[in-house]
C-alpha cells in the first residue's frame, strides 16, 4: 500500500484530546454511529479524516448560525 494513500488512524485518547472531550464521549460517538471506527483487538481506531470531517461539520454549523445573526 502506498504510504500517501494509506489512511491515518487515531486512538480514542488522541481523538478525545484533540476534541477536548472525555474518552467516554468518543466511545459514545463511536457506538452511536456518529463517528466511524475500526476495532483492533479490544481497542478502537478512528480514521483521522473522519475526525476532521466531524470537527469541520460542527464548525460550519456554528458559522452558519453566526451568519444568521442574533435575534434575526
Protein backbone atom coordinates (compact mmCIF):
# COMPACT_ATOMS: atom_id res chain seq x y z
CA UNK A 1 0.00 0.00 0.00
CA UNK A 2 1.31 3.41 -0.98
CA UNK A 3 2.22 5.46 2.10
CA UNK A 4 0.45 8.58 0.76
CA UNK A 5 -2.83 6.76 0.16
CA UNK A 6 -2.81 4.84 3.44
CA UNK A 7 -5.42 6.18 5.87
CA UNK A 8 -4.12 7.50 9.17
CA UNK A 9 -5.77 6.35 12.36
CA UNK A 10 -6.05 7.87 15.82
CA UNK A 11 -6.63 6.26 19.19
CA UNK A 12 -9.68 7.13 21.26
CA UNK A 13 -7.42 9.03 23.67
CA UNK A 14 -5.92 11.08 20.81
CA UNK A 15 -9.38 11.94 19.47
CA UNK A 16 -10.56 12.94 22.95
CA UNK A 17 -7.51 15.13 23.46
CA UNK A 18 -7.90 16.83 20.07
CA UNK A 19 -11.60 17.49 20.59
CA UNK A 20 -11.18 18.41 24.27
CA UNK A 21 -13.76 15.85 25.41
CA UNK A 22 -13.59 12.74 27.55
CA UNK A 23 -12.76 9.33 26.15
CA UNK A 24 -16.27 8.23 27.14
CA UNK A 25 -17.71 10.88 24.82
CA UNK A 26 -15.64 9.49 21.94
CA UNK A 27 -16.80 5.94 22.76
CA UNK A 28 -20.41 7.18 22.72
CA UNK A 29 -19.90 8.80 19.31
CA UNK A 30 -18.49 5.50 18.02
CA UNK A 31 -21.22 3.31 19.49
CA UNK A 32 -24.00 5.67 18.31
CA UNK A 33 -22.60 5.54 14.77
CA UNK A 34 -21.74 9.24 14.74
CA UNK A 35 -18.02 8.52 14.30
CA UNK A 36 -16.68 5.64 12.22
CA UNK A 37 -14.06 3.40 13.80
CA UNK A 38 -12.49 0.01 13.37
CA UNK A 39 -11.83 -2.43 16.14
CA UNK A 40 -8.24 -3.58 16.63
CA UNK A 41 -8.21 -6.25 19.29
CA UNK A 42 -10.01 -4.72 22.26
CA UNK A 43 -9.48 -1.10 21.21
CA UNK A 44 -10.81 1.21 18.53
CA UNK A 45 -9.02 3.22 15.88
CA UNK A 46 -10.69 6.22 14.29
CA UNK A 47 -9.76 7.47 10.81
CA UNK A 48 -8.15 10.88 11.11
CA UNK A 49 -10.22 12.09 8.14
CA UNK A 50 -13.45 11.23 9.99
CA UNK A 51 -12.36 13.31 12.99
CA UNK A 52 -11.56 16.27 10.73
CA UNK A 53 -14.93 15.94 8.96
CA UNK A 54 -16.79 15.88 12.28
CA UNK A 55 -14.94 18.96 13.50
CA UNK A 56 -15.43 20.78 10.18
CA UNK A 57 -19.16 19.95 10.19
CA UNK A 58 -19.51 21.36 13.69
CA UNK A 59 -17.60 24.50 12.75
CA UNK A 60 -19.70 25.07 9.64
CA UNK A 61 -22.91 24.73 11.69
CA UNK A 62 -21.54 27.26 14.15
CA UNK A 63 -20.58 29.73 11.43
CA UNK A 64 -23.97 29.29 9.72
CA UNK A 65 -25.73 30.17 12.97
CA UNK A 66 -23.49 33.22 13.45
CA UNK A 67 -24.14 34.38 9.88
CA UNK A 68 -27.88 34.46 10.61
CA UNK A 69 -27.29 36.99 13.34
CA UNK A 70 -28.56 37.09 16.87
CA UNK A 71 -32.20 37.98 17.23
CA UNK A 72 -32.92 37.86 13.48
